[in-house]
Amino acid sequence: MSITRFEENECLVITMFQEENREKAIQTIKEAKKHMDENDEELMDLMNQTIRKMKQISDEAYRKFDFDSYKAELEDEDNED
């Protein structure tokens, strides 16, 4: 079995759309994509790649995801604006 590794930006997407379980998080990301500019290919690609990788991990791996460290990073970015 191969290990699914998430890039930094993918981890931030997962954290921004955190839900109580993996399947719900995937659905939330899909729903968010409907409201985004589909011409932003880079963002759409990032979200699609994140969804693909999330489908490859187990629910257990999702529960163990370190949301806190990425939340701190997102908060730091918000404070810079």
N, C-alpha and C. Protein backbone atom coordinates (compact mmCIF):
# COMPACT_ATOMS: atom_id res chain seq x y z
N MET A 1 0.84 -1.17 0.00
CA MET A 1 0.00 0.00 0.00
C MET A 1 0.89 1.24 0.00
N SER A 2 0.62 2.17 -0.89
CA SER A 2 1.42 3.40 -0.94
C SER A 2 0.88 4.43 0.06
N ILE A 3 1.76 5.27 0.50
CA ILE A 3 1.40 6.31 1.45
C ILE A 3 1.01 7.56 0.67
N THR A 4 -0.13 8.12 1.01
CA THR A 4 -0.57 9.35 0.36
C THR A 4 0.04 10.52 1.12
N ARG A 5 0.76 11.34 0.40
CA ARG A 5 1.38 12.52 1.00
C ARG A 5 0.72 13.77 0.44
N PHE A 6 0.38 14.66 1.34
CA PHE A 6 -0.24 15.91 0.96
C PHE A 6 0.79 17.03 0.91
N GLU A 7 0.70 17.85 -0.12
CA GLU A 7 1.53 19.04 -0.22
C GLU A 7 0.99 20.09 0.76
N GLU A 8 1.80 21.09 1.04
CA GLU A 8 1.43 22.14 2.00
C GLU A 8 0.08 22.79 1.63
N ASN A 9 -0.09 23.17 0.37
CA ASN A 9 -1.34 23.83 -0.03
C ASN A 9 -2.54 22.89 0.07
N GLU A 10 -2.34 21.63 -0.17
CA GLU A 10 -3.42 20.66 -0.03
C GLU A 10 -3.83 20.53 1.45
N CYS A 11 -2.86 20.57 2.32
CA CYS A 11 -3.16 20.53 3.75
C CYS A 11 -3.96 21.75 4.18
N LEU A 12 -3.64 22.89 3.60
CA LEU A 12 -4.39 24.11 3.92
C LEU A 12 -5.83 24.00 3.42
N VAL A 13 -6.03 23.41 2.26
CA VAL A 13 -7.40 23.20 1.74
C VAL A 13 -8.17 22.29 2.69
N ILE A 14 -7.55 21.20 3.10
CA ILE A 14 -8.21 20.26 4.02
C ILE A 14 -8.60 20.98 5.31
N THR A 15 -7.72 21.81 5.80
CA THR A 15 -7.99 22.52 7.05
C THR A 15 -9.10 23.56 6.87
N MET A 16 -9.09 24.28 5.75
CA MET A 16 -10.12 25.30 5.52
C MET A 16 -11.51 24.67 5.45
N PHE A 17 -11.59 23.44 4.98
CA PHE A 17 -12.88 22.78 4.81
C PHE A 17 -13.04 21.60 5.77
N GLN A 18 -12.45 21.73 6.93
CA GLN A 18 -12.48 20.66 7.94
C GLN A 18 -13.92 20.32 8.32
N GLU A 19 -14.18 19.04 8.38
CA GLU A 19 -15.48 18.51 8.81
C GLU A 19 -15.23 17.37 9.79
N GLU A 20 -16.31 16.82 10.34
CA GLU A 20 -16.15 15.76 11.33
C GLU A 20 -15.68 14.44 10.73
N ASN A 21 -15.83 14.30 9.40
CA ASN A 21 -15.31 13.08 8.77
C ASN A 21 -14.83 13.38 7.35
N ARG A 22 -14.09 12.47 6.82
CA ARG A 22 -13.44 12.64 5.52
C ARG A 22 -14.44 12.83 4.39
N GLU A 23 -15.47 11.98 4.37
CA GLU A 23 -16.46 12.04 3.29
C GLU A 23 -17.19 13.39 3.27
N LYS A 24 -17.53 13.88 4.44
CA LYS A 24 -18.21 15.18 4.52
C LYS A 24 -17.26 16.31 4.08
N ALA A 25 -16.00 16.20 4.43
CA ALA A 25 -15.01 17.20 4.01
C ALA A 25 -14.88 17.23 2.49
N ILE A 26 -14.86 16.06 1.88
CA ILE A 26 -14.79 15.98 0.42
C ILE A 26 -16.01 16.67 -0.20
N GLN A 27 -17.19 16.39 0.34
CA GLN A 27 -18.41 17.01 -0.17
C GLN A 27 -18.38 18.53 0.01
N THR A 28 -17.85 19.01 1.12
CA THR A 28 -17.77 20.44 1.38
C THR A 28 -16.83 21.12 0.38
N ILE A 29 -15.72 20.49 0.08
CA ILE A 29 -14.80 21.04 -0.92
C ILE A 29 -15.47 21.07 -2.29
N LYS A 30 -16.16 20.01 -2.65
CA LYS A 30 -16.87 19.96 -3.93
C LYS A 30 -17.91 21.08 -4.01
N GLU A 31 -18.63 21.30 -2.92
CA GLU A 31 -19.64 22.36 -2.89
C GLU A 31 -18.99 23.73 -3.02
N ALA A 32 -17.88 23.93 -2.34
CA ALA A 32 -17.17 25.22 -2.41
C ALA A 32 -16.70 25.50 -3.83
N LYS A 33 -16.28 24.46 -4.54
CA LYS A 33 -15.81 24.63 -5.92
C LYS A 33 -16.89 25.23 -6.81
N LYS A 34 -18.15 24.93 -6.53
CA LYS A 34 -19.26 25.45 -7.33
C LYS A 34 -19.36 26.97 -7.25
N HIS A 35 -18.83 27.55 -6.17
CA HIS A 35 -18.96 28.99 -5.93
C HIS A 35 -17.68 29.75 -6.27
N MET A 36 -16.71 29.06 -6.82
CA MET A 36 -15.43 29.68 -7.14
C MET A 36 -15.32 29.95 -8.63
N ASP A 37 -14.41 30.82 -8.96
CA ASP A 37 -14.16 31.16 -10.36
C ASP A 37 -13.52 29.97 -11.06
N GLU A 38 -14.27 29.34 -11.93
CA GLU A 38 -13.74 28.15 -12.61
C GLU A 38 -12.60 28.48 -13.56
N ASN A 39 -12.38 29.76 -13.84
CA ASN A 39 -11.25 30.18 -14.67
C ASN A 39 -9.94 30.19 -13.88
N ASP A 40 -10.05 30.08 -12.55
CA ASP A 40 -8.86 30.01 -11.71
C ASP A 40 -8.37 28.56 -11.72
N GLU A 41 -7.70 28.22 -12.79
CA GLU A 41 -7.29 26.82 -13.00
C GLU A 41 -6.38 26.30 -11.90
N GLU A 42 -5.51 27.14 -11.40
CA GLU A 42 -4.58 26.70 -10.36
C GLU A 42 -5.32 26.29 -9.10
N LEU A 43 -6.29 27.10 -8.70
CA LEU A 43 -7.07 26.77 -7.50
C LEU A 43 -7.94 25.54 -7.73
N MET A 44 -8.56 25.46 -8.88
CA MET A 44 -9.40 24.30 -9.19
C MET A 44 -8.56 23.01 -9.22
N ASP A 45 -7.39 23.10 -9.82
CA ASP A 45 -6.50 21.93 -9.84
C ASP A 45 -6.10 21.52 -8.43
N LEU A 46 -5.79 22.51 -7.60
CA LEU A 46 -5.41 22.23 -6.21
C LEU A 46 -6.55 21.52 -5.48
N MET A 47 -7.75 22.03 -5.63
CA MET A 47 -8.89 21.43 -4.94
C MET A 47 -9.18 20.02 -5.48
N ASN A 48 -9.09 19.84 -6.79
CA ASN A 48 -9.33 18.52 -7.37
C ASN A 48 -8.27 17.52 -6.91
N GLN A 49 -7.02 17.94 -6.87
CA GLN A 49 -5.94 17.06 -6.41
C GLN A 49 -6.15 16.70 -4.93
N THR A 50 -6.57 17.67 -4.14
CA THR A 50 -6.82 17.43 -2.72
C THR A 50 -7.93 16.39 -2.56
N ILE A 51 -9.00 16.55 -3.32
CA ILE A 51 -10.11 15.59 -3.26
C ILE A 51 -9.63 14.19 -3.65
N ARG A 52 -8.86 14.10 -4.73
CA ARG A 52 -8.36 12.78 -5.18
C ARG A 52 -7.54 12.11 -4.07
N LYS A 53 -6.67 12.88 -3.45
CA LYS A 53 -5.83 12.31 -2.40
C LYS A 53 -6.65 11.95 -1.17
N MET A 54 -7.64 12.78 -0.84
CA MET A 54 -8.47 12.48 0.33
C MET A 54 -9.25 11.18 0.13
N LYS A 55 -9.60 10.88 -1.10
CA LYS A 55 -10.31 9.62 -1.39
C LYS A 55 -9.39 8.42 -1.19
N GLN A 56 -8.08 8.64 -1.23
CA GLN A 56 -7.11 7.55 -1.09
C GLN A 56 -6.77 7.23 0.37
N ILE A 57 -7.07 8.16 1.27
CA ILE A 57 -6.72 7.92 2.67
C ILE A 57 -7.90 7.29 3.40
N SER A 58 -7.61 6.73 4.54
CA SER A 58 -8.66 6.11 5.36
C SER A 58 -9.32 7.17 6.24
N ASP A 59 -10.47 6.82 6.77
CA ASP A 59 -11.14 7.70 7.72
C ASP A 59 -10.26 7.91 8.96
N GLU A 60 -9.55 6.85 9.33
CA GLU A 60 -8.63 6.93 10.48
C GLU A 60 -7.53 7.96 10.22
N ALA A 61 -6.96 7.94 9.03
CA ALA A 61 -5.90 8.91 8.69
C ALA A 61 -6.45 10.33 8.72
N TYR A 62 -7.68 10.51 8.26
CA TYR A 62 -8.29 11.84 8.31
C TYR A 62 -8.47 12.29 9.75
N ARG A 63 -8.93 11.40 10.61
CA ARG A 63 -9.11 11.76 12.03
C ARG A 63 -7.80 12.15 12.69
N LYS A 64 -6.70 11.58 12.22
CA LYS A 64 -5.39 11.85 12.81
C LYS A 64 -4.72 13.08 12.20
N PHE A 65 -5.33 13.67 11.18
CA PHE A 65 -4.73 14.82 10.50
C PHE A 65 -4.51 15.95 11.49
N ASP A 66 -3.37 16.62 11.41
CA ASP A 66 -2.99 17.68 12.34
C ASP A 66 -3.56 19.03 11.89
N PHE A 67 -4.87 19.22 12.12
CA PHE A 67 -5.52 20.46 11.73
C PHE A 67 -4.95 21.67 12.47
N ASP A 68 -4.57 21.50 13.72
CA ASP A 68 -4.16 22.63 14.54
C ASP A 68 -2.97 23.40 13.98
N SER A 69 -1.97 22.70 13.50
CA SER A 69 -0.79 23.41 12.99
C SER A 69 -1.13 24.20 11.73
N TYR A 70 -2.02 23.66 10.91
CA TYR A 70 -2.40 24.39 9.70
C TYR A 70 -3.38 25.52 10.00
N LYS A 71 -4.21 25.37 11.03
CA LYS A 71 -5.09 26.47 11.44
C LYS A 71 -4.24 27.65 11.88
N ALA A 72 -3.17 27.38 12.62
CA ALA A 72 -2.28 28.46 13.06
C ALA A 72 -1.68 29.16 11.86
N GLU A 73 -1.31 28.40 10.85
CA GLU A 73 -0.71 28.99 9.64
C GLU A 73 -1.74 29.86 8.92
N LEU A 74 -2.99 29.38 8.83
CA LEU A 74 -4.04 30.17 8.18
C LEU A 74 -4.32 31.45 8.97
N GLU A 75 -4.31 31.36 10.29
CA GLU A 75 -4.54 32.55 11.12
C GLU A 75 -3.40 33.54 10.95
N ASP A 76 -2.18 33.05 10.86
CA ASP A 76 -1.03 33.94 10.64
C ASP A 76 -1.18 34.68 9.32
N GLU A 77 -1.63 33.96 8.28
CA GLU A 77 -1.82 34.60 6.96
C GLU A 77 -2.92 35.65 7.04
N ASP A 78 -4.00 35.38 7.78
CA ASP A 78 -5.09 36.35 7.93
C ASP A 78 -4.61 37.61 8.65
N ASN A 79 -3.75 37.43 9.63
CA ASN A 79 -3.24 38.58 10.39
C ASN A 79 -2.30 39.44 9.59
N GLU A 80 -1.68 38.87 8.54
CA GLU A 80 -0.78 39.63 7.70
C GLU A 80 -1.54 40.57 6.76
N ASP A 81 -2.80 40.26 6.48
CA ASP A 81 -3.60 41.07 5.54
C ASP A 81 -4.10 42.32 6.14
